[in-house]
Amino acid sequence: MDNSELSDRLQTTTYSASRGKTRSKAREYLVHRLAYPDDVSEFGQKTKVLKYLFRAPVVSNALASVAMRYLQGKGYDVIMMHENDSIIGHVAFQVHQDNTLHVFSVEVNPEYREKGCATWLLEQTIHEARKRDIERVRIGAGSKEAITRAYNRLGSEEKEHLKVIQEGNNWFRLR
């Protein structure tokens, strides 16, 4: 699918801007991701025992509210991609004190893969970075091959509208 088709079909919401029912769905989605991380990922390795707390329903609801407030205070946020009422993917990132944004997780549901959704979601992240007056963005999520592919796609001539400059090591400077 091309960008206009994706923009017509899909919407994005940041966790920090979500409210009400949207926030509840987002929290439920994120709690599941925290409870069942990819064990080979850096995040999965760092969570260790904590992931089991998110699997206990009584604990996970209270813990989720506290954890999300804490993470937001540390500059973490998530852009969720949804079609109709279903969340079908996300980009998780952290805004650092040096005015940079680091993408550390990109995930798209299997039935939406190979359709340009992950690249589109990263484009939405660049737009979000601009809204926040971020100067540089780093993609550090996924396998080395996936990161390199995304980095090259976002820096290609066909993505000139993004107005980014590739700096190497998966860094972009926003123009």
C-alpha atoms as a PDB file:
ATOM      1  CA  MET A   1       0.000   0.000   0.000  1.00  0.00           C
ATOM      2  CA  ASP A   2       1.182   3.537  -0.600  1.00  0.00           C
ATOM      3  CA  ASN A   3       1.163   6.327   1.969  1.00  0.00           C
ATOM      4  CA  SER A   4      -2.156   7.832   0.906  1.00  0.00           C
ATOM      5  CA  GLU A   5      -3.900   4.439   1.166  1.00  0.00           C
ATOM      6  CA  LEU A   6      -2.383   3.886   4.614  1.00  0.00           C
ATOM      7  CA  SER A   7      -3.350   7.396   5.730  1.00  0.00           C
ATOM      8  CA  ASP A   8      -6.922   6.795   4.549  1.00  0.00           C
ATOM      9  CA  ARG A   9      -7.205   3.429   6.349  1.00  0.00           C
ATOM     10  CA  LEU A  10      -5.129   3.844   9.479  1.00  0.00           C
ATOM     11  CA  GLN A  11      -4.958   6.302  12.341  1.00  0.00           C
ATOM     12  CA  THR A  12      -2.370   6.948  15.026  1.00  0.00           C
ATOM     13  CA  THR A  13      -2.674   8.069  18.616  1.00  0.00           C
ATOM     14  CA  THR A  14       0.080   8.761  21.119  1.00  0.00           C
ATOM     15  CA  TYR A  15      -0.417   7.246  24.525  1.00  0.00           C
ATOM     16  CA  SER A  16       0.281  10.618  26.152  1.00  0.00           C
ATOM     17  CA  ALA A  17      -2.553  12.293  24.190  1.00  0.00           C
ATOM     18  CA  SER A  18      -5.083   9.468  24.531  1.00  0.00           C
ATOM     19  CA  ARG A  19      -8.046   9.761  26.883  1.00  0.00           C
ATOM     20  CA  GLY A  20     -11.042   7.713  28.017  1.00  0.00           C
ATOM     21  CA  LYS A  21     -11.805   4.532  26.086  1.00  0.00           C
ATOM     22  CA  THR A  22      -8.820   5.058  23.777  1.00  0.00           C
ATOM     23  CA  ARG A  23      -6.459   5.297  26.752  1.00  0.00           C
ATOM     24  CA  SER A  24      -7.980   2.167  28.347  1.00  0.00           C
ATOM     25  CA  LYS A  25      -7.500   0.179  25.133  1.00  0.00           C
ATOM     26  CA  ALA A  26      -3.975   1.523  24.767  1.00  0.00           C
ATOM     27  CA  ARG A  27      -3.084   0.609  28.360  1.00  0.00           C
ATOM     28  CA  GLU A  28      -4.478  -2.911  27.877  1.00  0.00           C
ATOM     29  CA  TYR A  29      -2.448  -3.305  24.678  1.00  0.00           C
ATOM     30  CA  LEU A  30       0.743  -2.018  26.323  1.00  0.00           C
ATOM     31  CA  VAL A  31       0.306  -4.150  29.448  1.00  0.00           C
ATOM     32  CA  HIS A  32       0.118  -7.213  27.209  1.00  0.00           C
ATOM     33  CA  ARG A  33       3.343  -6.125  25.455  1.00  0.00           C
ATOM     34  CA  LEU A  34       5.029  -5.591  28.839  1.00  0.00           C
ATOM     35  CA  ALA A  35       3.809  -8.967  30.125  1.00  0.00           C
ATOM     36  CA  TYR A  36       4.897 -10.906  27.037  1.00  0.00           C
ATOM     37  CA  PRO A  37       7.960  -9.181  25.541  1.00  0.00           C
ATOM     38  CA  ASP A  38      10.114 -10.785  22.900  1.00  0.00           C
ATOM     39  CA  ASP A  39      12.622 -12.561  25.164  1.00  0.00           C
ATOM     40  CA  VAL A  40      15.475 -12.100  22.685  1.00  0.00           C
ATOM     41  CA  SER A  41      14.941  -8.331  22.511  1.00  0.00           C
ATOM     42  CA  GLU A  42      16.941  -5.939  24.667  1.00  0.00           C
ATOM     43  CA  PHE A  43      13.688  -4.905  26.370  1.00  0.00           C
ATOM     44  CA  GLY A  44      12.703  -8.539  27.016  1.00  0.00           C
ATOM     45  CA  GLN A  45      16.080  -9.183  28.622  1.00  0.00           C
ATOM     46  CA  LYS A  46      15.890  -6.069  30.818  1.00  0.00           C
ATOM     47  CA  THR A  47      12.377  -6.720  32.145  1.00  0.00           C
ATOM     48  CA  LYS A  48      13.323 -10.100  33.660  1.00  0.00           C
ATOM     49  CA  VAL A  49      10.953 -10.771  36.603  1.00  0.00           C
ATOM     50  CA  LEU A  50       8.934  -7.578  36.119  1.00  0.00           C
ATOM     51  CA  LYS A  51       7.100  -9.077  33.139  1.00  0.00           C
ATOM     52  CA  TYR A  52       5.485 -11.668  35.452  1.00  0.00           C
ATOM     53  CA  LEU A  53       3.895  -8.902  37.542  1.00  0.00           C
ATOM     54  CA  PHE A  54       2.107  -7.636  34.435  1.00  0.00           C
ATOM     55  CA  ARG A  55       0.643 -11.118  33.914  1.00  0.00           C
ATOM     56  CA  ALA A  56      -1.291 -11.064  37.217  1.00  0.00           C
ATOM     57  CA  PRO A  57      -4.595  -9.242  36.526  1.00  0.00           C
ATOM     58  CA  VAL A  58      -4.995  -7.786  40.017  1.00  0.00           C
ATOM     59  CA  VAL A  59      -1.456  -6.454  40.092  1.00  0.00           C
ATOM     60  CA  SER A  60      -1.212  -5.454  36.428  1.00  0.00           C
ATOM     61  CA  ASN A  61      -4.024  -2.869  36.497  1.00  0.00           C
ATOM     62  CA  ALA A  62      -2.577  -0.954  39.449  1.00  0.00           C
ATOM     63  CA  LEU A  63       0.989  -1.434  38.249  1.00  0.00           C
ATOM     64  CA  ALA A  64       0.130  -0.302  34.715  1.00  0.00           C
ATOM     65  CA  SER A  65      -1.143   3.096  35.854  1.00  0.00           C
ATOM     66  CA  VAL A  66       1.894   3.719  38.038  1.00  0.00           C
ATOM     67  CA  ALA A  67       4.325   2.349  35.448  1.00  0.00           C
ATOM     68  CA  MET A  68       2.896   4.427  32.596  1.00  0.00           C
ATOM     69  CA  ARG A  69       3.050   7.654  34.639  1.00  0.00           C
ATOM     70  CA  TYR A  70       6.621   6.859  35.666  1.00  0.00           C
ATOM     71  CA  LEU A  71       7.678   6.066  32.079  1.00  0.00           C
ATOM     72  CA  GLN A  72       6.036   9.215  30.717  1.00  0.00           C
ATOM     73  CA  GLY A  73       7.959  11.219  33.305  1.00  0.00           C
ATOM     74  CA  LYS A  74      11.163   9.713  31.907  1.00  0.00           C
ATOM     75  CA  GLY A  75      10.267  10.799  28.347  1.00  0.00           C
ATOM     76  CA  TYR A  76       8.784   7.521  27.122  1.00  0.00           C
ATOM     77  CA  ASP A  77       5.743   7.479  24.848  1.00  0.00           C
ATOM     78  CA  VAL A  78       4.092   5.184  22.327  1.00  0.00           C
ATOM     79  CA  ILE A  79       2.420   5.874  19.014  1.00  0.00           C
ATOM     80  CA  MET A  80      -0.269   3.284  18.408  1.00  0.00           C
ATOM     81  CA  MET A  81      -1.491   2.511  14.922  1.00  0.00           C
ATOM     82  CA  HIS A  82      -5.089   1.433  14.673  1.00  0.00           C
ATOM     83  CA  GLU A  83      -7.659   0.482  12.119  1.00  0.00           C
ATOM     84  CA  ASN A  84     -11.215   1.008  13.296  1.00  0.00           C
ATOM     85  CA  ASP A  85     -11.141  -0.016  16.971  1.00  0.00           C
ATOM     86  CA  SER A  86      -8.178  -2.398  16.811  1.00  0.00           C
ATOM     87  CA  ILE A  87      -4.593  -1.496  17.659  1.00  0.00           C
ATOM     88  CA  ILE A  88      -2.493  -3.157  14.959  1.00  0.00           C
ATOM     89  CA  GLY A  89       0.980  -1.867  15.745  1.00  0.00           C
ATOM     90  CA  HIS A  90       3.086   0.611  17.659  1.00  0.00           C
ATOM     91  CA  VAL A  91       6.306   2.561  17.877  1.00  0.00           C
ATOM     92  CA  ALA A  92       7.728   3.063  21.368  1.00  0.00           C
ATOM     93  CA  PHE A  93      10.272   5.814  21.919  1.00  0.00           C
ATOM     94  CA  GLN A  94      12.009   7.957  24.479  1.00  0.00           C
ATOM     95  CA  VAL A  95      12.695  11.687  24.236  1.00  0.00           C
ATOM     96  CA  HIS A  96      16.029  12.439  25.875  1.00  0.00           C
ATOM     97  CA  GLN A  97      17.153  15.626  27.622  1.00  0.00           C
ATOM     98  CA  ASP A  98      19.509  16.403  24.722  1.00  0.00           C
ATOM     99  CA  ASN A  99      16.435  16.931  22.487  1.00  0.00           C
ATOM    100  CA  THR A 100      16.776  13.617  20.644  1.00  0.00           C
ATOM    101  CA  LEU A 101      14.205  10.887  20.165  1.00  0.00           C
ATOM    102  CA  HIS A 102      15.216   7.203  20.285  1.00  0.00           C
ATOM    103  CA  VAL A 103      12.871   4.620  18.761  1.00  0.00           C
ATOM    104  CA  PHE A 104      13.360   1.368  20.655  1.00  0.00           C
ATOM    105  CA  SER A 105      10.380  -0.742  19.586  1.00  0.00           C
ATOM    106  CA  VAL A 106       8.435  -1.090  16.348  1.00  0.00           C
ATOM    107  CA  GLU A 107       5.825  -3.785  16.021  1.00  0.00           C
ATOM    108  CA  VAL A 108       3.124  -4.468  13.439  1.00  0.00           C
ATOM    109  CA  ASN A 109       0.619  -7.323  13.666  1.00  0.00           C
ATOM    110  CA  PRO A 110       1.541 -10.164  11.275  1.00  0.00           C
ATOM    111  CA  GLU A 111      -1.403  -9.655   8.903  1.00  0.00           C
ATOM    112  CA  TYR A 112      -0.302  -6.038   8.299  1.00  0.00           C
ATOM    113  CA  ARG A 113       3.368  -6.755   7.641  1.00  0.00           C
ATOM    114  CA  GLU A 114       4.996  -6.312   4.231  1.00  0.00           C
ATOM    115  CA  LYS A 115       2.471  -3.584   3.381  1.00  0.00           C
ATOM    116  CA  GLY A 116       4.564  -0.562   4.333  1.00  0.00           C
ATOM    117  CA  CYS A 117       2.913  -0.150   7.746  1.00  0.00           C
ATOM    118  CA  ALA A 118       6.142  -0.131   9.775  1.00  0.00           C
ATOM    119  CA  THR A 119       7.718   2.491   7.522  1.00  0.00           C
ATOM    120  CA  TRP A 120       4.509   4.556   7.634  1.00  0.00           C
ATOM    121  CA  LEU A 121       4.497   4.283  11.422  1.00  0.00           C
ATOM    122  CA  LEU A 122       8.101   5.497  11.564  1.00  0.00           C
ATOM    123  CA  GLU A 123       7.121   8.419   9.319  1.00  0.00           C
ATOM    124  CA  GLN A 124       4.399   9.297  11.825  1.00  0.00           C
ATOM    125  CA  THR A 125       7.086   9.198  14.512  1.00  0.00           C
ATOM    126  CA  ILE A 126       9.169  11.729  12.566  1.00  0.00           C
ATOM    127  CA  HIS A 127       6.084  13.980  12.318  1.00  0.00           C
ATOM    128  CA  GLU A 128       5.553  13.598  16.076  1.00  0.00           C
ATOM    129  CA  ALA A 129       9.220  14.472  16.677  1.00  0.00           C
ATOM    130  CA  ARG A 130       8.735  17.691  14.705  1.00  0.00           C
ATOM    131  CA  LYS A 131       5.680  18.595  16.804  1.00  0.00           C
ATOM    132  CA  ARG A 132       7.898  18.246  19.877  1.00  0.00           C
ATOM    133  CA  ASP A 133      10.728  20.327  18.338  1.00  0.00           C
ATOM    134  CA  ILE A 134      13.093  17.354  18.332  1.00  0.00           C
ATOM    135  CA  GLU A 135      16.305  17.855  16.345  1.00  0.00           C
ATOM    136  CA  ARG A 136      17.495  14.275  15.851  1.00  0.00           C
ATOM    137  CA  VAL A 137      15.875  10.821  15.714  1.00  0.00           C
ATOM    138  CA  ARG A 138      17.540   7.424  16.078  1.00  0.00           C
ATOM    139  CA  ILE A 139      15.988   4.142  15.026  1.00  0.00           C
ATOM    140  CA  GLY A 140      17.231   1.392  17.322  1.00  0.00           C
ATOM    141  CA  ALA A 141      14.409  -1.148  17.189  1.00  0.00           C
ATOM    142  CA  GLY A 142      14.347  -4.567  15.594  1.00  0.00           C
ATOM    143  CA  SER A 143      16.983  -6.725  13.980  1.00  0.00           C
ATOM    144  CA  LYS A 144      20.040  -5.139  12.398  1.00  0.00           C
ATOM    145  CA  GLU A 145      18.603  -5.909   8.945  1.00  0.00           C
ATOM    146  CA  ALA A 146      15.193  -4.378   9.771  1.00  0.00           C
ATOM    147  CA  ILE A 147      16.790  -1.235  11.214  1.00  0.00           C
ATOM    148  CA  THR A 148      19.039  -0.814   8.181  1.00  0.00           C
ATOM    149  CA  ARG A 149      16.095  -1.332   5.805  1.00  0.00           C
ATOM    150  CA  ALA A 150      13.938   1.224   7.635  1.00  0.00           C
ATOM    151  CA  TYR A 151      16.798   3.715   7.873  1.00  0.00           C
ATOM    152  CA  ASN A 152      17.490   3.447   4.143  1.00  0.00           C
ATOM    153  CA  ARG A 153      13.794   3.691   3.214  1.00  0.00           C
ATOM    154  CA  LEU A 154      13.234   6.798   5.322  1.00  0.00           C
ATOM    155  CA  GLY A 155      16.328   8.462   3.865  1.00  0.00           C
ATOM    156  CA  SER A 156      15.521   7.613   0.242  1.00  0.00           C
ATOM    157  CA  GLU A 157      14.619  10.143  -2.438  1.00  0.00           C
ATOM    158  CA  GLU A 158      11.008   8.929  -2.499  1.00  0.00           C
ATOM    159  CA  LYS A 159      10.748  10.040   1.132  1.00  0.00           C
ATOM    160  CA  GLU A 160      12.110  13.532   0.414  1.00  0.00           C
ATOM    161  CA  HIS A 161       8.899  14.982   1.891  1.00  0.00           C
ATOM    162  CA  LEU A 162      10.116  13.872   5.334  1.00  0.00           C
ATOM    163  CA  LYS A 163      12.959  16.403   5.135  1.00  0.00           C
ATOM    164  CA  VAL A 164      15.488  14.326   7.045  1.00  0.00           C
ATOM    165  CA  ILE A 165      19.237  14.043   6.680  1.00  0.00           C
ATOM    166  CA  GLN A 166      20.870  10.686   7.341  1.00  0.00           C
ATOM    167  CA  GLU A 167      23.808  11.065   9.712  1.00  0.00           C
ATOM    168  CA  GLY A 168      24.910   7.437   9.992  1.00  0.00           C
ATOM    169  CA  ASN A 169      24.491   4.881  12.787  1.00  0.00           C
ATOM    170  CA  ASN A 170      20.703   5.043  12.250  1.00  0.00           C
ATOM    171  CA  TRP A 171      20.497   8.757  13.150  1.00  0.00           C
ATOM    172  CA  PHE A 172      18.428  11.328  11.260  1.00  0.00           C
ATOM    173  CA  ARG A 173      18.641  15.088  11.617  1.00  0.00           C
ATOM    174  CA  LEU A 174      15.318  16.810  11.023  1.00  0.00           C
ATOM    175  CA  ARG A 175      15.533  19.771   8.636  1.00  0.00           C
END
